[in-house]
Amino acid sequence: QVQLVESGGGLVQPWGSLRLSCVASGNIDSIFTMGWYRQAPGKQRELAAEMFSTGSPNYASSVVGRFTVSTDFAKATTYLQMNDLKPEDTAVYYCNLYEKNGKEYWGQGTQVTVSS
């Protein structure tokens, strides 16, 4: 069983910054991607940012230039640095780990609220 534990969410003012962390543990197979999805109230879960095991990142267009994903695959740890936050970034952020064998795991989610 693989477990993902996120931390770092909270309340921040517009144009502020937050850093999310996620650590995976358990019987982890070879990782394909590790990253972050988010789900705003009344909306579907969407990709925010992910890192491929090749070292290439992938970002949603809405976060390009503001968010940075970094991953230590050896430690199964990923971070999301979020700068210049906007109210529309408010969502529950979920850590995601996708193995090369097709198995996928999710964290429990951490709330990010951007409000003045």
N, C-alpha and C. Protein backbone atom coordinates (compact mmCIF):
# COMPACT_ATOMS: atom_id res chain seq x y z
N GLN A 1 0.85 -1.19 0.00
CA GLN A 1 0.00 0.00 0.00
C GLN A 1 0.89 1.24 0.00
N VAL A 2 0.49 2.24 -0.77
CA VAL A 2 1.22 3.50 -0.88
C VAL A 2 0.39 4.60 -0.23
N GLN A 3 1.01 5.41 0.58
CA GLN A 3 0.34 6.54 1.22
C GLN A 3 1.03 7.84 0.85
N LEU A 4 0.23 8.87 0.59
CA LEU A 4 0.73 10.20 0.28
C LEU A 4 0.22 11.15 1.35
N VAL A 5 1.12 11.93 1.91
CA VAL A 5 0.75 12.88 2.95
C VAL A 5 1.17 14.28 2.51
N GLU A 6 0.17 15.16 2.42
CA GLU A 6 0.43 16.54 2.01
C GLU A 6 0.49 17.45 3.22
N SER A 7 1.17 18.58 3.04
CA SER A 7 1.19 19.63 4.06
C SER A 7 1.46 20.97 3.38
N GLY A 8 1.15 22.05 4.10
CA GLY A 8 1.50 23.37 3.61
C GLY A 8 0.36 24.23 3.14
N GLY A 9 -0.85 23.72 3.14
CA GLY A 9 -1.97 24.55 2.71
C GLY A 9 -2.32 25.59 3.76
N GLY A 10 -3.27 26.47 3.42
CA GLY A 10 -3.69 27.49 4.37
C GLY A 10 -4.36 28.65 3.69
N LEU A 11 -4.50 29.72 4.46
CA LEU A 11 -5.12 30.96 3.97
C LEU A 11 -4.02 31.96 3.64
N VAL A 12 -4.12 32.55 2.47
CA VAL A 12 -3.12 33.52 2.04
C VAL A 12 -3.81 34.66 1.30
N GLN A 13 -3.25 35.83 1.37
CA GLN A 13 -3.82 36.98 0.68
C GLN A 13 -3.44 36.94 -0.80
N PRO A 14 -4.25 37.58 -1.63
CA PRO A 14 -3.87 37.66 -3.06
C PRO A 14 -2.46 38.20 -3.24
N TRP A 15 -1.76 37.62 -4.23
CA TRP A 15 -0.36 37.94 -4.54
C TRP A 15 0.61 37.34 -3.53
N GLY A 16 0.11 36.57 -2.58
CA GLY A 16 0.97 35.91 -1.62
C GLY A 16 1.52 34.61 -2.17
N SER A 17 2.27 33.89 -1.31
CA SER A 17 2.91 32.64 -1.71
C SER A 17 2.63 31.54 -0.68
N LEU A 18 2.63 30.32 -1.18
CA LEU A 18 2.55 29.13 -0.33
C LEU A 18 3.40 28.04 -0.95
N ARG A 19 3.87 27.13 -0.11
CA ARG A 19 4.62 25.97 -0.60
C ARG A 19 3.98 24.71 -0.04
N LEU A 20 3.55 23.85 -0.95
CA LEU A 20 2.96 22.58 -0.57
C LEU A 20 4.03 21.49 -0.64
N SER A 21 3.91 20.53 0.26
CA SER A 21 4.83 19.39 0.29
C SER A 21 4.04 18.10 0.29
N CYS A 22 4.62 17.06 -0.28
CA CYS A 22 3.98 15.74 -0.30
C CYS A 22 5.07 14.68 -0.21
N VAL A 23 4.86 13.77 0.71
CA VAL A 23 5.78 12.65 0.88
C VAL A 23 5.01 11.35 0.70
N ALA A 24 5.53 10.50 -0.15
CA ALA A 24 4.93 9.19 -0.38
C ALA A 24 5.72 8.12 0.37
N SER A 25 5.00 7.14 0.88
CA SER A 25 5.66 6.04 1.59
C SER A 25 4.94 4.73 1.27
N GLY A 26 5.60 3.63 1.57
CA GLY A 26 5.00 2.33 1.32
C GLY A 26 5.72 1.60 0.20
N ASN A 27 5.02 0.69 -0.40
CA ASN A 27 5.58 -0.17 -1.43
C ASN A 27 5.47 0.51 -2.80
N ILE A 28 6.36 1.46 -3.02
CA ILE A 28 6.31 2.27 -4.23
C ILE A 28 7.11 1.60 -5.35
N ASP A 29 6.45 1.45 -6.47
CA ASP A 29 7.11 0.91 -7.66
C ASP A 29 7.71 2.07 -8.45
N SER A 30 8.24 1.78 -9.59
CA SER A 30 8.87 2.81 -10.41
C SER A 30 7.87 3.92 -10.75
N ILE A 31 8.26 5.16 -10.45
CA ILE A 31 7.35 6.29 -10.62
C ILE A 31 7.43 6.86 -12.03
N PHE A 32 6.25 7.16 -12.61
CA PHE A 32 6.19 7.81 -13.91
C PHE A 32 6.03 9.32 -13.76
N THR A 33 5.09 9.72 -12.93
CA THR A 33 4.90 11.14 -12.63
C THR A 33 4.54 11.31 -11.17
N MET A 34 4.85 12.49 -10.67
CA MET A 34 4.43 12.88 -9.34
C MET A 34 4.10 14.36 -9.40
N GLY A 35 2.96 14.73 -8.84
CA GLY A 35 2.57 16.13 -8.95
C GLY A 35 1.33 16.48 -8.20
N TRP A 36 0.64 17.53 -8.69
CA TRP A 36 -0.45 18.14 -7.96
C TRP A 36 -1.66 18.38 -8.85
N TYR A 37 -2.80 18.00 -8.35
CA TYR A 37 -4.08 18.34 -8.94
C TYR A 37 -4.83 19.23 -7.95
N ARG A 38 -5.85 19.90 -8.45
CA ARG A 38 -6.66 20.74 -7.57
C ARG A 38 -8.12 20.67 -7.97
N GLN A 39 -8.98 20.90 -6.97
CA GLN A 39 -10.42 20.88 -7.22
C GLN A 39 -11.05 22.04 -6.49
N ALA A 40 -11.60 22.95 -7.26
CA ALA A 40 -12.31 24.09 -6.70
C ALA A 40 -13.76 23.71 -6.45
N PRO A 41 -14.47 24.41 -5.57
CA PRO A 41 -15.87 24.09 -5.29
C PRO A 41 -16.71 24.10 -6.56
N GLY A 42 -17.45 23.03 -6.78
CA GLY A 42 -18.34 22.95 -7.93
C GLY A 42 -17.66 22.65 -9.24
N LYS A 43 -16.34 22.38 -9.20
CA LYS A 43 -15.61 22.12 -10.43
C LYS A 43 -14.95 20.74 -10.38
N GLN A 44 -14.54 20.27 -11.55
CA GLN A 44 -13.86 18.99 -11.62
C GLN A 44 -12.41 19.13 -11.20
N ARG A 45 -11.85 18.04 -10.75
CA ARG A 45 -10.44 18.02 -10.40
C ARG A 45 -9.62 18.22 -11.68
N GLU A 46 -8.58 19.06 -11.58
CA GLU A 46 -7.77 19.36 -12.74
C GLU A 46 -6.29 19.33 -12.37
N LEU A 47 -5.47 19.08 -13.37
CA LEU A 47 -4.03 19.12 -13.16
C LEU A 47 -3.58 20.54 -12.89
N ALA A 48 -2.73 20.70 -11.88
CA ALA A 48 -2.06 21.98 -11.65
C ALA A 48 -0.63 21.91 -12.18
N ALA A 49 0.10 20.90 -11.73
CA ALA A 49 1.49 20.75 -12.17
C ALA A 49 1.96 19.34 -11.85
N GLU A 50 2.82 18.82 -12.70
CA GLU A 50 3.38 17.50 -12.48
C GLU A 50 4.80 17.45 -13.01
N MET A 51 5.56 16.49 -12.47
CA MET A 51 6.92 16.29 -12.94
C MET A 51 7.05 14.86 -13.43
N PHE A 52 7.52 14.70 -14.66
CA PHE A 52 7.79 13.38 -15.20
C PHE A 52 9.13 12.87 -14.67
N SER A 53 9.27 11.56 -14.63
CA SER A 53 10.51 10.97 -14.11
C SER A 53 11.71 11.32 -14.99
N THR A 54 11.43 11.81 -16.19
CA THR A 54 12.50 12.26 -17.08
C THR A 54 13.06 13.61 -16.65
N GLY A 55 12.32 14.27 -15.73
CA GLY A 55 12.74 15.59 -15.28
C GLY A 55 12.01 16.72 -15.95
N SER A 56 11.07 16.41 -16.81
CA SER A 56 10.29 17.43 -17.50
C SER A 56 9.03 17.76 -16.71
N PRO A 57 8.78 19.07 -16.48
CA PRO A 57 7.55 19.46 -15.81
C PRO A 57 6.41 19.70 -16.80
N ASN A 58 5.20 19.68 -16.28
CA ASN A 58 4.01 19.99 -17.08
C ASN A 58 3.11 20.83 -16.21
N TYR A 59 2.66 21.96 -16.73
CA TYR A 59 1.84 22.89 -15.95
C TYR A 59 0.53 23.19 -16.66
N ALA A 60 -0.50 23.41 -15.86
CA ALA A 60 -1.72 23.98 -16.42
C ALA A 60 -1.40 25.39 -16.90
N SER A 61 -2.05 25.80 -17.98
CA SER A 61 -1.76 27.11 -18.55
C SER A 61 -2.03 28.24 -17.56
N SER A 62 -2.98 28.01 -16.66
CA SER A 62 -3.37 29.06 -15.72
C SER A 62 -2.33 29.31 -14.63
N VAL A 63 -1.36 28.41 -14.48
CA VAL A 63 -0.38 28.57 -13.41
C VAL A 63 1.03 28.79 -13.93
N VAL A 64 1.20 28.76 -15.24
CA VAL A 64 2.54 28.94 -15.82
C VAL A 64 3.12 30.30 -15.40
N GLY A 65 4.35 30.26 -14.96
CA GLY A 65 5.02 31.48 -14.52
C GLY A 65 4.78 31.83 -13.07
N ARG A 66 3.85 31.14 -12.43
CA ARG A 66 3.55 31.42 -11.02
C ARG A 66 3.84 30.22 -10.12
N PHE A 67 3.60 29.02 -10.61
CA PHE A 67 3.81 27.81 -9.83
C PHE A 67 5.06 27.09 -10.33
N THR A 68 5.76 26.44 -9.40
CA THR A 68 6.92 25.64 -9.75
C THR A 68 6.84 24.31 -9.01
N VAL A 69 6.89 23.22 -9.76
CA VAL A 69 6.88 21.88 -9.17
C VAL A 69 8.31 21.37 -9.14
N SER A 70 8.66 20.72 -8.03
CA SER A 70 9.97 20.09 -7.93
C SER A 70 9.77 18.73 -7.25
N THR A 71 10.54 17.77 -7.70
CA THR A 71 10.34 16.40 -7.21
C THR A 71 11.67 15.70 -7.00
N ASP A 72 11.76 15.00 -5.89
CA ASP A 72 12.89 14.11 -5.60
C ASP A 72 12.35 12.70 -5.72
N PHE A 73 12.56 12.09 -6.86
CA PHE A 73 11.97 10.77 -7.09
C PHE A 73 12.60 9.71 -6.19
N ALA A 74 13.86 9.87 -5.85
CA ALA A 74 14.51 8.90 -4.96
C ALA A 74 13.86 8.88 -3.59
N LYS A 75 13.37 10.04 -3.16
CA LYS A 75 12.71 10.16 -1.86
C LYS A 75 11.19 10.17 -1.98
N ALA A 76 10.69 10.06 -3.19
CA ALA A 76 9.24 10.07 -3.44
C ALA A 76 8.60 11.29 -2.77
N THR A 77 9.19 12.43 -3.00
CA THR A 77 8.73 13.68 -2.40
C THR A 77 8.57 14.72 -3.49
N THR A 78 7.50 15.48 -3.39
CA THR A 78 7.26 16.53 -4.37
C THR A 78 6.80 17.80 -3.67
N TYR A 79 7.12 18.93 -4.27
CA TYR A 79 6.77 20.23 -3.73
C TYR A 79 6.09 21.07 -4.80
N LEU A 80 5.25 21.98 -4.35
CA LEU A 80 4.64 22.94 -5.27
C LEU A 80 4.81 24.32 -4.66
N GLN A 81 5.66 25.12 -5.27
CA GLN A 81 5.84 26.50 -4.87
C GLN A 81 4.85 27.35 -5.64
N MET A 82 3.98 28.04 -4.93
CA MET A 82 2.94 28.83 -5.56
C MET A 82 3.15 30.30 -5.21
N ASN A 83 3.39 31.10 -6.23
CA ASN A 83 3.60 32.53 -6.06
C ASN A 83 2.50 33.32 -6.76
N ASP A 84 2.38 34.58 -6.40
CA ASP A 84 1.37 35.46 -7.03
C ASP A 84 0.00 34.81 -7.05
N LEU A 85 -0.39 34.27 -5.92
CA LEU A 85 -1.66 33.55 -5.84
C LEU A 85 -2.84 34.46 -6.08
N LYS A 86 -3.85 33.89 -6.73
CA LYS A 86 -5.07 34.61 -7.08
C LYS A 86 -6.26 33.93 -6.40
N PRO A 87 -7.35 34.66 -6.21
CA PRO A 87 -8.53 34.02 -5.61
C PRO A 87 -8.98 32.77 -6.38
N GLU A 88 -8.79 32.77 -7.69
CA GLU A 88 -9.20 31.61 -8.48
C GLU A 88 -8.30 30.39 -8.27
N ASP A 89 -7.22 30.54 -7.53
CA ASP A 89 -6.40 29.39 -7.16
C ASP A 89 -6.95 28.66 -5.94
N THR A 90 -7.97 29.23 -5.34
CA THR A 90 -8.58 28.59 -4.18
C THR A 90 -9.14 27.22 -4.56
N ALA A 91 -8.71 26.20 -3.84
CA ALA A 91 -9.10 24.82 -4.15
C ALA A 91 -8.50 23.89 -3.11
N VAL A 92 -8.95 22.65 -3.16
CA VAL A 92 -8.26 21.59 -2.43
C VAL A 92 -7.20 21.03 -3.38
N TYR A 93 -5.99 20.99 -2.90
CA TYR A 93 -4.87 20.50 -3.71
C TYR A 93 -4.52 19.08 -3.29
N TYR A 94 -4.44 18.22 -4.30
CA TYR A 94 -4.19 16.80 -4.06
C TYR A 94 -2.85 16.39 -4.66
N CYS A 95 -2.07 15.70 -3.88
CA CYS A 95 -0.84 15.11 -4.38
C CYS A 95 -1.17 13.83 -5.15
N ASN A 96 -0.47 13.62 -6.24
CA ASN A 96 -0.72 12.45 -7.09
C ASN A 96 0.59 11.75 -7.42
N LEU A 97 0.57 10.44 -7.38
CA LEU A 97 1.71 9.62 -7.78
C LEU A 97 1.21 8.57 -8.76
N TYR A 98 1.84 8.53 -9.93
CA TYR A 98 1.44 7.60 -10.98
C TYR A 98 2.64 6.72 -11.31
N GLU A 99 2.46 5.41 -11.10
CA GLU A 99 3.55 4.48 -11.33
C GLU A 99 3.59 4.04 -12.80
N LYS A 100 4.73 3.56 -13.22
CA LYS A 100 4.89 3.09 -14.60
C LYS A 100 4.06 1.84 -14.87
N ASN A 101 3.63 1.14 -13.81
CA ASN A 101 2.80 -0.05 -13.99
C ASN A 101 1.31 0.31 -14.11
N GLY A 102 1.00 1.61 -14.07
CA GLY A 102 -0.37 2.05 -14.24
C GLY A 102 -1.13 2.32 -12.96
N LYS A 103 -0.54 2.01 -11.83
CA LYS A 103 -1.22 2.29 -10.57
C LYS A 103 -1.10 3.76 -10.21
N GLU A 104 -2.14 4.28 -9.58
CA GLU A 104 -2.20 5.71 -9.26
C GLU A 104 -2.64 5.88 -7.81
N TYR A 105 -2.04 6.83 -7.14
CA TYR A 105 -2.34 7.08 -5.73
C TYR A 105 -2.58 8.57 -5.50
N TRP A 106 -3.44 8.84 -4.49
CA TRP A 106 -3.80 10.22 -4.17
C TRP A 106 -3.59 10.49 -2.68
N GLY A 107 -3.24 11.73 -2.38
CA GLY A 107 -3.22 12.17 -1.01
C GLY A 107 -4.62 12.55 -0.57
N GLN A 108 -4.72 12.95 0.69
CA GLN A 108 -6.04 13.28 1.25
C GLN A 108 -6.48 14.70 0.88
N GLY A 109 -5.57 15.49 0.39
CA GLY A 109 -5.89 16.86 -0.02
C GLY A 109 -5.55 17.88 1.05
N THR A 110 -5.17 19.06 0.61
CA THR A 110 -4.91 20.17 1.52
C THR A 110 -5.56 21.43 0.96
N GLN A 111 -6.25 22.16 1.81
CA GLN A 111 -7.01 23.32 1.37
C GLN A 111 -6.09 24.53 1.19
N VAL A 112 -6.25 25.19 0.07
CA VAL A 112 -5.58 26.47 -0.20
C VAL A 112 -6.68 27.49 -0.45
N THR A 113 -6.68 28.54 0.36
CA THR A 113 -7.67 29.60 0.22
C THR A 113 -6.95 30.92 0.01
N VAL A 114 -7.29 31.59 -1.09
CA VAL A 114 -6.69 32.89 -1.42
C VAL A 114 -7.77 33.95 -1.28
N SER A 115 -7.62 34.77 -0.27
CA SER A 115 -8.65 35.76 0.03
C SER A 115 -8.06 36.88 0.86
N SER A 116 -8.61 38.07 0.65
CA SER A 116 -8.20 39.22 1.45
C SER A 116 -9.11 39.38 2.66
